[in-house]
Protein backbone atom coordinates (compact mmCIF):
# COMPACT_ATOMS: atom_id res chain seq x y z
CA UNK A 1 -11.93 1.01 52.70
CA UNK A 2 -9.79 -1.95 51.65
CA UNK A 3 -11.64 -5.10 50.67
CA UNK A 4 -10.46 -8.56 51.77
CA UNK A 5 -11.70 -11.37 49.56
CA UNK A 6 -11.65 -15.14 49.87
CA UNK A 7 -13.71 -17.59 47.82
CA UNK A 8 -14.59 -21.15 48.79
CA UNK A 9 -17.12 -23.80 47.79
CA UNK A 10 -19.69 -24.21 50.57
CA UNK A 11 -22.36 -26.71 49.57
CA UNK A 12 -24.64 -27.80 46.76
CA UNK A 13 -28.32 -26.83 46.61
CA UNK A 14 -31.15 -27.73 44.26
CA UNK A 15 -30.41 -24.68 42.12
CA UNK A 16 -26.64 -25.06 41.90
CA UNK A 17 -23.41 -25.19 43.81
CA UNK A 18 -23.29 -22.61 46.59
CA UNK A 19 -20.05 -20.71 47.01
CA UNK A 20 -18.87 -18.18 49.56
CA UNK A 21 -16.95 -14.99 49.06
CA UNK A 22 -15.71 -13.07 52.10
CA UNK A 23 -15.76 -9.27 51.89
CA UNK A 24 -14.44 -7.32 54.88
CA UNK A 25 -14.90 -10.32 57.13
CA UNK A 26 -18.52 -11.01 56.11
CA UNK A 27 -19.24 -14.24 54.19
CA UNK A 28 -21.39 -13.78 51.09
CA UNK A 29 -23.13 -16.91 49.75
CA UNK A 30 -23.94 -17.09 46.05
CA UNK A 31 -24.65 -19.43 43.16
CA UNK A 32 -23.09 -19.05 39.73
CA UNK A 33 -24.22 -21.21 36.84
CA UNK A 34 -21.64 -20.25 34.21
CA UNK A 35 -22.63 -19.85 30.57
CA UNK A 36 -21.43 -18.16 27.40
CA UNK A 37 -24.19 -15.56 27.08
CA UNK A 38 -24.19 -12.28 29.02
CA UNK A 39 -24.31 -12.55 32.80
CA UNK A 40 -27.48 -11.84 34.78
CA UNK A 41 -27.37 -10.79 38.44
CA UNK A 42 -30.48 -11.73 40.44
CA UNK A 43 -31.10 -9.67 43.61
CA UNK A 44 -33.71 -10.92 46.08
CA UNK A 45 -36.03 -8.99 48.39
CA UNK A 46 -36.11 -7.98 52.02
CA UNK A 47 -35.77 -10.98 54.39
CA UNK A 48 -35.67 -13.40 51.45
CA UNK A 49 -32.89 -15.38 49.78
CA UNK A 50 -31.44 -16.46 46.44
CA UNK A 51 -33.63 -19.59 46.25
CA UNK A 52 -36.64 -17.37 45.54
CA UNK A 53 -35.24 -17.14 41.98
CA UNK A 54 -35.28 -20.91 41.43
CA UNK A 55 -37.45 -20.64 38.31
CA UNK A 56 -35.42 -17.78 36.82
CA UNK A 57 -32.06 -19.44 37.48
CA UNK A 58 -33.04 -22.57 35.56
CA UNK A 59 -34.73 -20.55 32.79
CA UNK A 60 -31.74 -18.27 32.21
CA UNK A 61 -29.16 -21.03 32.58
CA UNK A 62 -30.98 -23.12 29.98
CA UNK A 63 -30.72 -20.15 27.62
CA UNK A 64 -26.96 -20.09 28.15
CA UNK A 65 -26.68 -17.07 30.47
CA UNK A 66 -24.11 -16.85 33.24
CA UNK A 67 -26.44 -16.46 36.22
CA UNK A 68 -25.24 -15.08 39.56
CA UNK A 69 -27.67 -15.25 42.50
CA UNK A 70 -26.34 -14.10 45.90
CA UNK A 71 -27.79 -13.97 49.37
CA UNK A 72 -27.51 -10.35 50.50
CA UNK A 73 -25.53 -9.64 53.68
CA UNK A 74 -27.67 -10.50 56.69
CA UNK A 75 -29.85 -12.84 54.60
CA UNK A 76 -29.99 -16.52 53.71
CA UNK A 77 -26.67 -18.33 53.95
CA UNK A 78 -24.63 -15.11 53.98
CA UNK A 79 -23.18 -13.75 57.19
CA UNK A 80 -24.38 -10.61 58.91
CA UNK A 81 -22.67 -7.38 57.90
CA UNK A 82 -19.54 -6.47 59.81
CA UNK A 83 -20.41 -2.78 59.27
CA UNK A 84 -24.21 -2.88 59.40
CA UNK A 85 -25.00 0.83 59.29
CA UNK A 86 -23.19 1.35 55.98
CA UNK A 87 -23.89 -2.07 54.43
CA UNK A 88 -27.62 -2.26 55.16
CA UNK A 89 -28.53 0.49 52.72
CA UNK A 90 -29.17 0.64 48.99
CA UNK A 91 -25.65 1.96 48.24
CA UNK A 92 -24.10 -0.47 50.75
CA UNK A 93 -25.72 -3.52 49.21
CA UNK A 94 -24.89 -2.22 45.72
CA UNK A 95 -21.23 -1.80 46.70
CA UNK A 96 -21.09 -5.39 47.99
CA UNK A 97 -22.59 -6.75 44.78
CA UNK A 98 -20.18 -4.73 42.63
CA UNK A 99 -17.29 -6.35 44.51
CA UNK A 100 -18.87 -9.76 43.94
CA UNK A 101 -19.18 -9.25 40.19
CA UNK A 102 -15.70 -7.75 39.90
CA UNK A 103 -14.20 -10.63 41.83
CA UNK A 104 -15.94 -13.11 39.54
CA UNK A 105 -14.43 -11.30 36.55
CA UNK A 106 -17.80 -10.18 35.19
CA UNK A 107 -17.50 -6.75 33.58
CA UNK A 108 -20.93 -6.46 31.92
CA UNK A 109 -24.25 -7.83 33.12
CA UNK A 110 -28.02 -7.44 33.34
CA UNK A 111 -29.72 -7.00 36.72
CA UNK A 112 -33.05 -8.44 37.84
CA UNK A 113 -34.25 -7.11 41.19
CA UNK A 114 -37.25 -8.11 43.25
CA UNK A 115 -38.64 -5.77 45.94
CA UNK A 116 -35.61 -4.57 47.97
CA UNK A 117 -33.50 -6.10 45.20
CA UNK A 118 -35.09 -3.72 42.72
CA UNK A 119 -34.17 -0.70 44.83
CA UNK A 120 -30.59 -1.99 45.01
CA UNK A 121 -30.75 -2.63 41.28
CA UNK A 122 -31.74 0.98 40.60
CA UNK A 123 -28.75 2.10 42.67
CA UNK A 124 -26.42 -0.05 40.54
CA UNK A 125 -28.12 0.70 37.21
CA UNK A 126 -27.89 4.47 37.55
CA UNK A 127 -24.38 4.53 39.03
CA UNK A 128 -22.49 1.66 37.41
CA UNK A 129 -21.83 1.47 33.67
CA UNK A 130 -21.16 -2.27 33.85
CA UNK A 131 -24.92 -2.76 34.29
CA UNK A 132 -26.39 -3.22 30.81
CA UNK A 133 -30.07 -3.19 31.77
CA UNK A 134 -32.40 -3.49 34.75
CA UNK A 135 -35.66 -5.37 35.28
CA UNK A 136 -37.55 -4.69 38.50
CA UNK A 137 -40.59 -6.35 40.02
CA UNK A 138 -42.36 -5.48 43.26
CA UNK A 139 -40.32 -2.26 43.33
CA UNK A 140 -41.90 1.18 42.97
CA UNK A 141 -39.23 3.78 42.16
CA UNK A 142 -39.56 6.35 44.94
CA UNK A 143 -37.96 9.46 46.34
CA UNK A 144 -35.96 8.42 49.41
CA UNK A 145 -38.04 10.07 52.10
CA UNK A 146 -41.10 9.28 54.19
CA UNK A 147 -43.26 11.26 51.78
CA UNK A 148 -41.77 9.48 48.78
CA UNK A 149 -42.28 6.05 50.31
CA UNK A 150 -45.91 6.87 51.09
CA UNK A 151 -46.48 7.63 47.40
CA UNK A 152 -45.07 4.32 46.16
CA UNK A 153 -46.23 1.88 48.82
CA UNK A 154 -49.63 0.97 50.22
CA UNK A 155 -49.88 1.38 54.00
CA UNK A 156 -50.77 -1.75 55.97
CA UNK A 157 -49.80 -3.54 59.19
CA UNK A 158 -47.78 -6.04 57.15
CA UNK A 159 -46.00 -3.23 55.31
CA UNK A 160 -44.93 -1.90 58.71
CA UNK A 161 -43.00 -5.14 59.29
CA UNK A 162 -40.54 -4.27 56.50
CA UNK A 163 -38.41 -2.25 58.92
CA UNK A 164 -39.05 -4.16 62.15
CA UNK A 165 -35.92 -5.54 63.80
CA UNK A 166 -37.34 -8.33 65.98
CA UNK A 167 -39.79 -10.75 64.34
CA UNK A 168 -42.15 -12.99 66.27
CA UNK A 169 -43.35 -16.25 64.71
CA UNK A 170 -46.57 -14.43 63.80
CA UNK A 171 -44.54 -11.69 62.09
CA UNK A 172 -42.62 -14.30 60.11
CA UNK A 173 -45.87 -15.92 59.01
CA UNK A 174 -47.60 -12.66 58.10
CA UNK A 175 -44.66 -11.09 56.26
CA UNK A 176 -43.66 -14.24 54.37
CA UNK A 177 -47.27 -14.92 53.36
CA UNK A 178 -47.74 -11.37 52.05
CA UNK A 179 -44.45 -11.57 50.15
CA UNK A 180 -45.33 -14.82 48.36
CA UNK A 181 -49.09 -14.34 48.08
CA UNK A 182 -49.96 -17.59 49.85
CA UNK A 183 -49.93 -18.91 53.43
CA UNK A 184 -46.38 -19.62 54.59
CA UNK A 185 -45.61 -21.84 57.56
CA UNK A 186 -42.84 -20.25 59.69
CA UNK A 187 -41.19 -23.69 59.73
CA UNK A 188 -41.10 -23.96 55.92
CA UNK A 189 -37.91 -23.22 53.99
CA UNK A 190 -39.01 -19.65 53.22
CA UNK A 191 -40.30 -19.07 56.73
CA UNK A 192 -36.94 -20.16 58.13
CA UNK A 193 -35.14 -17.77 55.78
CA UNK A 194 -37.32 -14.86 56.88
CA UNK A 195 -36.72 -15.77 60.53
CA UNK A 196 -32.97 -16.07 59.95
CA UNK A 197 -32.63 -12.54 58.53
CA UNK A 198 -30.61 -10.11 60.61
CA UNK A 199 -33.23 -7.79 62.10
CA UNK A 200 -30.81 -4.89 61.79
CA UNK A 201 -30.86 -5.42 58.03
CA UNK A 202 -34.55 -4.53 58.01
CA UNK A 203 -34.31 -1.70 60.52
CA UNK A 204 -31.27 0.02 59.04
CA UNK A 205 -32.32 -0.48 55.42
CA UNK A 206 -35.56 1.36 56.12
CA UNK A 207 -33.89 4.00 58.29
CA UNK A 208 -31.23 4.69 55.65
CA UNK A 209 -33.75 4.75 52.83
CA UNK A 210 -36.07 7.20 54.54
CA UNK A 211 -33.05 9.39 55.38
CA UNK A 212 -32.22 9.72 51.67
CA UNK A 213 -29.17 7.43 51.57
CA UNK A 214 -28.92 6.57 47.88
CA UNK A 215 -29.97 7.90 44.49
CA UNK A 216 -33.36 9.51 44.06
CA UNK A 217 -35.17 6.72 42.21
CA UNK A 218 -37.79 8.90 40.54
CA UNK A 219 -35.04 11.01 38.99
CA UNK A 220 -33.06 7.87 38.12
CA UNK A 221 -35.78 6.31 35.97
CA UNK A 222 -36.42 9.67 34.36
CA UNK A 223 -32.77 10.32 33.48
CA UNK A 224 -30.86 7.04 33.07
CA UNK A 225 -30.48 6.11 29.38
CA UNK A 226 -29.92 2.37 29.89
CA UNK A 227 -32.86 0.01 29.33
CA UNK A 228 -35.35 -0.52 32.15
CA UNK A 229 -38.23 -2.99 32.38
CA UNK A 230 -40.97 -3.08 35.02
CA UNK A 231 -42.82 -6.39 35.28
CA UNK A 232 -45.35 -5.99 38.04
CA UNK A 233 -47.88 -8.33 39.66
CA UNK A 234 -51.36 -6.84 39.43
CA UNK A 235 -52.37 -7.93 42.95
CA UNK A 236 -49.30 -6.69 44.81
CA UNK A 237 -50.37 -5.83 48.38
CA UNK A 238 -47.41 -3.51 48.92
CA UNK A 239 -47.00 -1.51 45.69
CA UNK A 240 -49.21 1.32 44.43
CA UNK A 241 -49.63 0.66 40.70
CA UNK A 242 -50.98 4.17 40.12
CA UNK A 243 -47.65 5.59 41.30
CA UNK A 244 -45.66 3.35 38.96
CA UNK A 245 -47.82 4.37 36.00
CA UNK A 246 -47.54 8.07 36.89
CA UNK A 247 -43.75 8.34 36.59
CA UNK A 248 -41.74 9.63 33.64
CA UNK A 249 -39.33 7.09 32.17
CA UNK A 250 -36.48 7.76 29.78
CA UNK A 251 -35.98 4.25 28.40
CA UNK A 252 -38.78 1.97 29.64
CA UNK A 253 -39.23 -1.29 27.74
CA UNK A 254 -42.42 -1.29 25.65
CA UNK A 255 -43.02 2.25 26.97
CA UNK A 256 -45.18 1.01 29.84
CA UNK A 257 -44.96 -1.09 33.01
CA UNK A 258 -45.93 -4.67 32.14
CA UNK A 259 -48.72 -5.82 34.47
CA UNK A 260 -48.97 -9.61 34.82
CA UNK A 261 -50.68 -12.12 37.08
CA UNK A 262 -49.61 -12.58 40.69
CA UNK A 263 -48.90 -10.39 43.66
CA UNK A 264 -45.68 -9.09 45.16
CA UNK A 265 -43.62 -12.02 43.82
CA UNK A 266 -44.95 -12.74 40.31
CA UNK A 267 -41.65 -14.41 39.39
CA UNK A 268 -42.43 -17.06 42.03
CA UNK A 269 -46.22 -17.20 41.68
CA UNK A 270 -46.43 -17.08 37.86
CA UNK A 271 -42.94 -18.04 36.65
CA UNK A 272 -43.85 -18.88 33.04
CA UNK A 273 -45.53 -15.53 32.45
CA UNK A 274 -42.75 -13.67 34.22
CA UNK A 275 -39.98 -15.56 32.42
CA UNK A 276 -41.55 -14.82 29.07
CA UNK A 277 -41.19 -11.11 29.81
CA UNK A 278 -37.70 -11.56 31.25
CA UNK A 279 -36.47 -13.48 28.22
CA UNK A 280 -37.98 -11.00 25.79
CA UNK A 281 -36.46 -8.01 27.56
CA UNK A 282 -32.93 -9.45 27.84
CA UNK A 283 -32.99 -10.65 24.22
CA UNK A 284 -34.02 -7.20 23.01
């Protein structure tokens, strides 16, 4: 498949100048801070957006890192995928982000992935040698099947929304609130981003994942020699911490998952504690 690329400046936001890169007819919105230290790619979660990394973008940029934070296809300010069935999958998202980094001339980088972003990060980390290390949060490495998902995630009515195509206002409120660990008004900035998300991105991501489209994540963390860090909120309503602790890891930072304050989004809820771990891991 040939890739068509065009880059333009779109608008400025509170966390930096937003740019757009068009891949196969689908606009991809992203922010790049620049910086002399190694690049860091930040990948957001299901139905979220790049702004969820506000605290990490400023933290890493102040340390001199070249930070790249995109909106995934079908999310935020990016356009919906022109080929949804292939794009809305862990390998599809990973392929899009590889093109982004290649186009920006970045040949070596760290990845930080939250929730869905962590699953995409695992796909890149195990299959792409340009990825130097991976930090995941809100992401249990699982086998890509219904049985595997049931081992890594806690069942709940809100969890069932992760693959639902059409969201009501109540769905937006419930899902956004569970993601951020606090009540979210559907009319707030995050509520609007959840509501904006292409419903097919949720439906097909879950369908593809349960069908085994992508690397087996349990095998990946057991076999991949590149550094991995898990920084996990202790009150995450979605993730089974027992499962995370039960896995075998080849190169896990500090030899254990790091359990910190917060829920599914500790980087948003407890940014200082999270950033302390992030900075320590990338420095090491």
